[in-house]
Amino acid sequence: MTKRILSAALIITFVFFWATGAFPADTRTVTADGAGVITVPVSEVSTTARYYSYSSGTTRIRFLAVLGTDAVPRIAFDACEVCGGRLGYEQQGTDIRCRACGRVFRIDDIGSKNRTFGCWPSYLPHRVAGGRILINAADLKKATSLFD
């Protein structure tokens, strides 16, 4: 009986967050290779934000990738140190908007460390090499508290 109640609660929670857009339906789950690196092909990144999810224990850590106007991938956590990660960000044209506070950011500005001391798509260290975006799983795990 308890398992049924828990399962129903999880389904209802997922449907709520999916319906409100908190978890984009096209979120792609990624895993780390043996060296602890997550790889995202640059070829699958476009001017439309793409969302990714990485599981660390029971926490689902989300990040987004989108091309800037200079065709350089912009990578950031789908969370903010101020607003948290429950709702994340959504794309509006050439901008990214915080679903929690409504603040809007130019896509070309994300993927850098916070310069405003307020809401900001949290910086996610990464590198681009050989047509791939490389992210250390350890860097994702450091942000677990943003998504708890």
N, C-alpha and C. Protein backbone atom coordinates (compact mmCIF):
# COMPACT_ATOMS: atom_id res chain seq x y z
N MET A 1 0.82 -1.19 0.00
CA MET A 1 0.00 0.00 0.00
C MET A 1 0.87 1.26 0.00
N THR A 2 1.91 1.27 0.84
CA THR A 2 2.78 2.43 0.92
C THR A 2 3.49 2.67 -0.42
N LYS A 3 3.89 1.60 -1.10
CA LYS A 3 4.55 1.75 -2.40
C LYS A 3 3.60 2.36 -3.42
N ARG A 4 2.33 1.99 -3.37
CA ARG A 4 1.33 2.56 -4.28
C ARG A 4 1.15 4.05 -4.05
N ILE A 5 1.09 4.45 -2.80
CA ILE A 5 0.92 5.87 -2.46
C ILE A 5 2.15 6.65 -2.90
N LEU A 6 3.32 6.11 -2.64
CA LEU A 6 4.56 6.77 -3.05
C LEU A 6 4.64 6.88 -4.57
N SER A 7 4.30 5.80 -5.27
CA SER A 7 4.31 5.82 -6.73
C SER A 7 3.34 6.86 -7.27
N ALA A 8 2.15 6.92 -6.71
CA ALA A 8 1.16 7.91 -7.15
C ALA A 8 1.65 9.33 -6.90
N ALA A 9 2.26 9.55 -5.74
CA ALA A 9 2.78 10.88 -5.42
C ALA A 9 3.88 11.28 -6.39
N LEU A 10 4.75 10.35 -6.72
CA LEU A 10 5.82 10.65 -7.67
C LEU A 10 5.27 10.97 -9.06
N ILE A 11 4.28 10.22 -9.49
CA ILE A 11 3.67 10.47 -10.79
C ILE A 11 2.99 11.83 -10.82
N ILE A 12 2.26 12.15 -9.78
CA ILE A 12 1.58 13.45 -9.71
C ILE A 12 2.61 14.58 -9.71
N THR A 13 3.68 14.43 -8.95
CA THR A 13 4.73 15.45 -8.89
C THR A 13 5.36 15.63 -10.26
N PHE A 14 5.69 14.53 -10.94
CA PHE A 14 6.29 14.63 -12.27
C PHE A 14 5.35 15.32 -13.24
N VAL A 15 4.09 14.92 -13.25
CA VAL A 15 3.11 15.52 -14.17
C VAL A 15 2.98 17.01 -13.88
N PHE A 16 2.96 17.40 -12.61
CA PHE A 16 2.85 18.82 -12.26
C PHE A 16 4.04 19.60 -12.82
N PHE A 17 5.26 19.12 -12.56
CA PHE A 17 6.44 19.84 -13.02
C PHE A 17 6.55 19.82 -14.54
N TRP A 18 6.17 18.72 -15.17
CA TRP A 18 6.20 18.66 -16.63
C TRP A 18 5.18 19.63 -17.21
N ALA A 19 3.98 19.67 -16.65
CA ALA A 19 2.91 20.54 -17.15
C ALA A 19 3.23 22.02 -16.95
N THR A 20 3.95 22.34 -15.88
CA THR A 20 4.29 23.74 -15.64
C THR A 20 5.56 24.14 -16.37
N GLY A 21 6.19 23.19 -17.05
CA GLY A 21 7.39 23.50 -17.82
C GLY A 21 8.66 23.47 -17.01
N ALA A 22 8.58 23.08 -15.74
CA ALA A 22 9.78 23.07 -14.91
C ALA A 22 10.78 22.04 -15.40
N PHE A 23 10.31 20.95 -15.96
CA PHE A 23 11.17 19.95 -16.55
C PHE A 23 10.79 19.87 -18.02
N PRO A 24 11.53 20.52 -18.91
CA PRO A 24 11.18 20.46 -20.32
C PRO A 24 11.04 19.02 -20.79
N ALA A 25 10.02 18.76 -21.59
CA ALA A 25 9.74 17.40 -22.04
C ALA A 25 10.89 16.80 -22.83
N ASP A 26 11.69 17.64 -23.48
CA ASP A 26 12.78 17.13 -24.30
C ASP A 26 14.11 17.08 -23.56
N THR A 27 14.08 17.07 -22.24
CA THR A 27 15.31 16.98 -21.45
C THR A 27 15.99 15.64 -21.74
N ARG A 28 17.27 15.71 -22.06
CA ARG A 28 18.05 14.51 -22.38
C ARG A 28 18.86 14.10 -21.16
N THR A 29 18.79 12.83 -20.79
CA THR A 29 19.58 12.31 -19.68
C THR A 29 20.98 11.97 -20.18
N VAL A 30 21.99 12.42 -19.43
CA VAL A 30 23.37 12.15 -19.79
C VAL A 30 24.05 11.39 -18.65
N THR A 31 25.09 10.65 -19.01
CA THR A 31 25.87 9.90 -18.02
C THR A 31 27.35 10.19 -18.26
N ALA A 32 28.13 9.92 -17.26
CA ALA A 32 29.58 10.12 -17.36
C ALA A 32 30.25 8.86 -17.90
N ASP A 33 31.35 9.05 -18.61
CA ASP A 33 32.13 7.91 -19.07
C ASP A 33 33.02 7.42 -17.92
N GLY A 34 33.88 6.45 -18.19
CA GLY A 34 34.74 5.88 -17.16
C GLY A 34 35.68 6.88 -16.51
N ALA A 35 35.99 7.96 -17.23
CA ALA A 35 36.87 9.00 -16.69
C ALA A 35 36.10 10.08 -15.95
N GLY A 36 34.77 9.92 -15.84
CA GLY A 36 33.96 10.91 -15.13
C GLY A 36 33.64 12.15 -15.96
N VAL A 37 33.58 12.00 -17.28
CA VAL A 37 33.31 13.12 -18.16
C VAL A 37 32.01 12.91 -18.92
N ILE A 38 31.19 13.94 -18.95
CA ILE A 38 29.95 13.94 -19.73
C ILE A 38 30.28 14.60 -21.07
N THR A 39 29.85 13.99 -22.15
CA THR A 39 30.13 14.51 -23.49
C THR A 39 28.83 14.86 -24.18
N VAL A 40 28.78 16.08 -24.74
CA VAL A 40 27.63 16.52 -25.52
C VAL A 40 28.19 16.96 -26.88
N PRO A 41 27.73 16.35 -27.97
CA PRO A 41 28.20 16.77 -29.28
C PRO A 41 27.77 18.21 -29.58
N VAL A 42 28.68 19.04 -30.02
CA VAL A 42 28.35 20.42 -30.37
C VAL A 42 27.29 20.43 -31.47
N SER A 43 27.30 19.41 -32.32
CA SER A 43 26.36 19.34 -33.44
C SER A 43 24.90 19.25 -33.00
N GLU A 44 24.64 18.83 -31.76
CA GLU A 44 23.26 18.76 -31.31
C GLU A 44 22.82 20.04 -30.58
N VAL A 45 23.71 21.02 -30.49
CA VAL A 45 23.39 22.29 -29.84
C VAL A 45 23.03 23.30 -30.93
N SER A 46 21.96 24.05 -30.70
CA SER A 46 21.52 25.04 -31.67
C SER A 46 21.16 26.34 -30.96
N THR A 47 20.52 27.23 -31.66
CA THR A 47 20.09 28.49 -31.06
C THR A 47 18.84 28.31 -30.20
N THR A 48 18.32 27.11 -30.15
CA THR A 48 17.22 26.77 -29.26
C THR A 48 17.81 26.01 -28.07
N ALA A 49 17.56 26.49 -26.87
CA ALA A 49 18.13 25.86 -25.66
C ALA A 49 17.74 24.39 -25.59
N ARG A 50 18.73 23.58 -25.27
CA ARG A 50 18.51 22.16 -25.07
C ARG A 50 18.86 21.87 -23.62
N TYR A 51 18.03 21.06 -22.98
CA TYR A 51 18.18 20.78 -21.55
C TYR A 51 18.69 19.36 -21.34
N TYR A 52 19.54 19.22 -20.33
CA TYR A 52 20.16 17.94 -20.01
C TYR A 52 19.99 17.67 -18.52
N SER A 53 20.00 16.40 -18.17
CA SER A 53 19.83 15.99 -16.78
C SER A 53 20.88 14.93 -16.46
N TYR A 54 21.48 15.08 -15.29
CA TYR A 54 22.48 14.14 -14.79
C TYR A 54 22.07 13.74 -13.38
N SER A 55 22.04 12.45 -13.10
CA SER A 55 21.65 11.98 -11.78
C SER A 55 22.86 11.79 -10.90
N SER A 56 22.80 12.40 -9.71
CA SER A 56 23.82 12.23 -8.69
C SER A 56 23.11 11.73 -7.45
N GLY A 57 23.16 10.44 -7.23
CA GLY A 57 22.40 9.86 -6.13
C GLY A 57 20.92 10.03 -6.42
N THR A 58 20.21 10.67 -5.51
CA THR A 58 18.78 10.89 -5.70
C THR A 58 18.48 12.27 -6.29
N THR A 59 19.51 13.04 -6.58
CA THR A 59 19.33 14.40 -7.09
C THR A 59 19.50 14.44 -8.60
N ARG A 60 18.58 15.10 -9.25
CA ARG A 60 18.63 15.29 -10.70
C ARG A 60 19.19 16.68 -10.97
N ILE A 61 20.39 16.75 -11.50
CA ILE A 61 21.07 18.02 -11.77
C ILE A 61 20.86 18.37 -13.24
N ARG A 62 20.34 19.57 -13.49
CA ARG A 62 20.02 19.97 -14.86
C ARG A 62 20.96 21.07 -15.35
N PHE A 63 21.24 21.05 -16.65
CA PHE A 63 21.98 22.13 -17.28
C PHE A 63 21.43 22.35 -18.67
N LEU A 64 21.78 23.49 -19.24
CA LEU A 64 21.31 23.80 -20.58
C LEU A 64 22.48 24.16 -21.48
N ALA A 65 22.27 23.96 -22.77
CA ALA A 65 23.26 24.31 -23.78
C ALA A 65 22.52 25.02 -24.91
N VAL A 66 23.11 26.11 -25.39
CA VAL A 66 22.51 26.89 -26.48
C VAL A 66 23.64 27.64 -27.19
N LEU A 67 23.49 27.83 -28.48
CA LEU A 67 24.50 28.58 -29.23
C LEU A 67 24.25 30.07 -29.10
N GLY A 68 25.33 30.81 -28.87
CA GLY A 68 25.25 32.27 -28.86
C GLY A 68 25.22 32.79 -30.29
N THR A 69 25.10 34.10 -30.44
CA THR A 69 25.06 34.69 -31.77
C THR A 69 26.37 34.50 -32.53
N ASP A 70 27.44 34.17 -31.81
CA ASP A 70 28.74 33.92 -32.43
C ASP A 70 28.97 32.43 -32.71
N ALA A 71 27.91 31.61 -32.56
CA ALA A 71 27.94 30.16 -32.78
C ALA A 71 28.79 29.41 -31.76
N VAL A 72 29.10 30.05 -30.64
CA VAL A 72 29.84 29.41 -29.55
C VAL A 72 28.82 28.85 -28.55
N PRO A 73 28.97 27.58 -28.14
CA PRO A 73 28.03 27.01 -27.17
C PRO A 73 28.10 27.73 -25.82
N ARG A 74 26.95 28.04 -25.28
CA ARG A 74 26.83 28.61 -23.94
C ARG A 74 26.25 27.50 -23.06
N ILE A 75 26.92 27.21 -21.96
CA ILE A 75 26.54 26.13 -21.06
C ILE A 75 26.34 26.72 -19.67
N ALA A 76 25.25 26.36 -19.01
CA ALA A 76 25.00 26.84 -17.65
C ALA A 76 24.10 25.84 -16.93
N PHE A 77 24.17 25.85 -15.61
CA PHE A 77 23.22 25.06 -14.84
C PHE A 77 21.82 25.63 -15.09
N ASP A 78 20.83 24.78 -15.08
CA ASP A 78 19.44 25.22 -15.20
C ASP A 78 18.96 25.57 -13.79
N ALA A 79 19.74 26.44 -13.13
CA ALA A 79 19.48 26.83 -11.75
C ALA A 79 20.28 28.08 -11.43
N CYS A 80 19.89 28.71 -10.35
CA CYS A 80 20.52 29.95 -9.90
C CYS A 80 20.84 29.82 -8.42
N GLU A 81 21.96 30.42 -7.99
CA GLU A 81 22.31 30.39 -6.57
C GLU A 81 21.29 31.14 -5.73
N VAL A 82 20.60 32.11 -6.32
CA VAL A 82 19.62 32.91 -5.58
C VAL A 82 18.23 32.26 -5.63
N CYS A 83 17.77 31.94 -6.83
CA CYS A 83 16.40 31.42 -7.01
C CYS A 83 16.31 29.91 -6.86
N GLY A 84 17.43 29.21 -6.92
CA GLY A 84 17.43 27.76 -6.79
C GLY A 84 17.21 27.07 -8.13
N GLY A 85 17.00 25.78 -8.09
CA GLY A 85 16.88 25.01 -9.31
C GLY A 85 15.55 24.35 -9.52
N ARG A 86 14.59 24.66 -8.67
CA ARG A 86 13.30 23.99 -8.80
C ARG A 86 12.62 24.31 -10.12
N LEU A 87 12.68 25.56 -10.56
CA LEU A 87 11.99 25.96 -11.78
C LEU A 87 12.91 26.17 -12.97
N GLY A 88 14.14 26.58 -12.76
CA GLY A 88 15.09 26.74 -13.84
C GLY A 88 14.78 27.91 -14.76
N TYR A 89 15.22 27.77 -16.00
CA TYR A 89 15.13 28.84 -16.99
C TYR A 89 14.40 28.37 -18.22
N GLU A 90 13.84 29.32 -18.97
CA GLU A 90 13.20 29.02 -20.23
C GLU A 90 13.67 30.02 -21.27
N GLN A 91 13.67 29.60 -22.51
CA GLN A 91 14.11 30.47 -23.58
C GLN A 91 12.93 31.30 -24.09
N GLN A 92 13.22 32.59 -24.33
CA GLN A 92 12.26 33.49 -24.95
C GLN A 92 13.00 34.24 -26.05
N GLY A 93 12.91 33.73 -27.27
CA GLY A 93 13.63 34.34 -28.38
C GLY A 93 15.13 34.20 -28.20
N THR A 94 15.84 35.34 -28.15
CA THR A 94 17.30 35.31 -27.96
C THR A 94 17.69 35.53 -26.51
N ASP A 95 16.73 35.33 -25.61
CA ASP A 95 16.96 35.51 -24.18
C ASP A 95 16.62 34.24 -23.41
N ILE A 96 17.12 34.18 -22.19
CA ILE A 96 16.78 33.13 -21.24
C ILE A 96 16.13 33.82 -20.05
N ARG A 97 14.98 33.30 -19.58
CA ARG A 97 14.24 33.92 -18.49
C ARG A 97 14.15 32.96 -17.31
N CYS A 98 14.40 33.50 -16.12
CA CYS A 98 14.26 32.72 -14.89
C CYS A 98 12.78 32.48 -14.63
N ARG A 99 12.40 31.24 -14.45
CA ARG A 99 11.00 30.91 -14.18
C ARG A 99 10.58 31.30 -12.77
N ALA A 100 11.55 31.52 -11.88
CA ALA A 100 11.21 31.87 -10.49
C ALA A 100 11.01 33.37 -10.31
N CYS A 101 11.95 34.18 -10.78
CA CYS A 101 11.86 35.62 -10.53
C CYS A 101 11.53 36.45 -11.76
N GLY A 102 11.63 35.84 -12.95
CA GLY A 102 11.29 36.54 -14.18
C GLY A 102 12.42 37.33 -14.81
N ARG A 103 13.58 37.34 -14.19
CA ARG A 103 14.70 38.10 -14.75
C ARG A 103 15.11 37.50 -16.09
N VAL A 104 15.49 38.38 -17.02
CA VAL A 104 15.83 37.96 -18.38
C VAL A 104 17.31 38.22 -18.65
N PHE A 105 17.95 37.26 -19.35
CA PHE A 105 19.36 37.34 -19.67
C PHE A 105 19.56 37.11 -21.16
N ARG A 106 20.48 37.84 -21.76
CA ARG A 106 20.84 37.56 -23.15
C ARG A 106 21.57 36.22 -23.19
N ILE A 107 21.26 35.41 -24.17
CA ILE A 107 21.93 34.12 -24.30
C ILE A 107 23.44 34.31 -24.38
N ASP A 108 23.90 35.35 -25.06
CA ASP A 108 25.34 35.57 -25.19
C ASP A 108 26.03 35.84 -23.85
N ASP A 109 25.28 36.17 -22.82
CA ASP A 109 25.87 36.46 -21.51
C ASP A 109 25.94 35.25 -20.58
N ILE A 110 25.20 34.19 -20.88
CA ILE A 110 25.22 33.05 -19.97
C ILE A 110 26.46 32.20 -20.23
N GLY A 111 26.74 31.32 -19.28
CA GLY A 111 27.92 30.48 -19.39
C GLY A 111 29.15 31.13 -18.79
N SER A 112 28.94 32.21 -18.08
CA SER A 112 30.05 32.90 -17.41
C SER A 112 29.72 32.98 -15.92
N LYS A 113 30.68 33.39 -15.15
CA LYS A 113 30.44 33.53 -13.71
C LYS A 113 29.54 34.72 -13.47
N ASN A 114 28.78 34.66 -12.39
CA ASN A 114 27.82 35.71 -12.04
C ASN A 114 28.52 37.05 -11.88
N ARG A 115 28.06 38.04 -12.63
CA ARG A 115 28.63 39.38 -12.55
C ARG A 115 27.65 40.37 -11.92
N THR A 116 26.45 39.90 -11.58
CA THR A 116 25.42 40.83 -11.13
C THR A 116 25.05 40.69 -9.66
N PHE A 117 25.51 39.67 -8.99
CA PHE A 117 25.22 39.42 -7.57
C PHE A 117 23.74 39.17 -7.31
N GLY A 118 22.99 38.77 -8.31
CA GLY A 118 21.59 38.41 -8.17
C GLY A 118 21.33 37.16 -8.98
N CYS A 119 20.11 36.99 -9.41
CA CYS A 119 19.75 35.84 -10.24
C CYS A 119 20.68 35.79 -11.45
N TRP A 120 21.17 34.59 -11.74
CA TRP A 120 22.06 34.39 -12.88
C TRP A 120 22.12 32.89 -13.16
N PRO A 121 22.05 32.46 -14.42
CA PRO A 121 22.22 31.02 -14.70
C PRO A 121 23.59 30.57 -14.20
N SER A 122 23.61 29.71 -13.23
CA SER A 122 24.84 29.34 -12.54
C SER A 122 25.89 28.78 -13.48
N TYR A 123 27.10 29.23 -13.26
CA TYR A 123 28.25 28.85 -14.06
C TYR A 123 28.54 27.36 -13.95
N LEU A 124 28.75 26.71 -15.09
CA LEU A 124 29.12 25.30 -15.15
C LEU A 124 30.43 25.18 -15.93
N PRO A 125 31.52 24.87 -15.25
CA PRO A 125 32.80 24.72 -15.97
C PRO A 125 32.68 23.66 -17.06
N HIS A 126 33.24 23.95 -18.21
CA HIS A 126 33.23 23.02 -19.34
C HIS A 126 34.33 23.42 -20.31
N ARG A 127 34.56 22.57 -21.27
CA ARG A 127 35.51 22.89 -22.34
C ARG A 127 34.96 22.30 -23.64
N VAL A 128 35.37 22.88 -24.74
CA VAL A 128 34.96 22.40 -26.05
C VAL A 128 36.21 21.90 -26.76
N ALA A 129 36.17 20.64 -27.21
CA ALA A 129 37.32 20.06 -27.90
C ALA A 129 36.82 19.01 -28.90
N GLY A 130 37.36 19.06 -30.10
CA GLY A 130 37.03 18.04 -31.10
C GLY A 130 35.54 17.94 -31.40
N GLY A 131 34.85 19.06 -31.41
CA GLY A 131 33.42 19.04 -31.71
C GLY A 131 32.55 18.50 -30.59
N ARG A 132 33.11 18.48 -29.38
CA ARG A 132 32.36 17.98 -28.22
C ARG A 132 32.47 18.95 -27.05
N ILE A 133 31.40 19.06 -26.31
CA ILE A 133 31.39 19.81 -25.06
C ILE A 133 31.68 18.80 -23.97
N LEU A 134 32.69 19.07 -23.17
CA LEU A 134 33.12 18.15 -22.12
C LEU A 134 32.88 18.78 -20.75
N ILE A 135 32.17 18.04 -19.90
CA ILE A 135 31.81 18.51 -18.56
C ILE A 135 32.22 17.44 -17.57
N ASN A 136 32.94 17.82 -16.54
CA ASN A 136 33.33 16.87 -15.50
C ASN A 136 32.13 16.59 -14.59
N ALA A 137 31.85 15.31 -14.39
CA ALA A 137 30.75 14.93 -13.50
C ALA A 137 30.96 15.51 -12.10
N ALA A 138 32.21 15.63 -11.67
CA ALA A 138 32.50 16.19 -10.35
C ALA A 138 32.00 17.63 -10.25
N ASP A 139 32.08 18.40 -11.35
CA ASP A 139 31.57 19.77 -11.33
C ASP A 139 30.05 19.80 -11.23
N LEU A 140 29.39 18.84 -11.85
CA LEU A 140 27.93 18.74 -11.72
C LEU A 140 27.56 18.38 -10.28
N LYS A 141 28.27 17.43 -9.72
CA LYS A 141 27.95 16.99 -8.35
C LYS A 141 28.13 18.09 -7.32
N LYS A 142 29.04 19.03 -7.57
CA LYS A 142 29.24 20.15 -6.65
C LYS A 142 27.99 21.03 -6.53
N ALA A 143 27.12 20.96 -7.52
CA ALA A 143 25.92 21.81 -7.54
C ALA A 143 24.68 21.10 -7.03
N THR A 144 24.86 19.95 -6.41
CA THR A 144 23.71 19.18 -5.92
C THR A 144 22.77 20.03 -5.07
N SER A 145 23.31 20.89 -4.24
CA SER A 145 22.48 21.69 -3.33
C SER A 145 21.54 22.65 -4.08
N LEU A 146 21.88 23.01 -5.31
CA LEU A 146 21.00 23.88 -6.10
C LEU A 146 19.69 23.18 -6.46
N PHE A 147 19.71 21.85 -6.49
CA PHE A 147 18.57 21.08 -6.97
C PHE A 147 17.86 20.27 -5.89
N ASP A 148 18.33 20.35 -4.66
CA ASP A 148 17.68 19.60 -3.56
C ASP A 148 16.34 20.21 -3.20
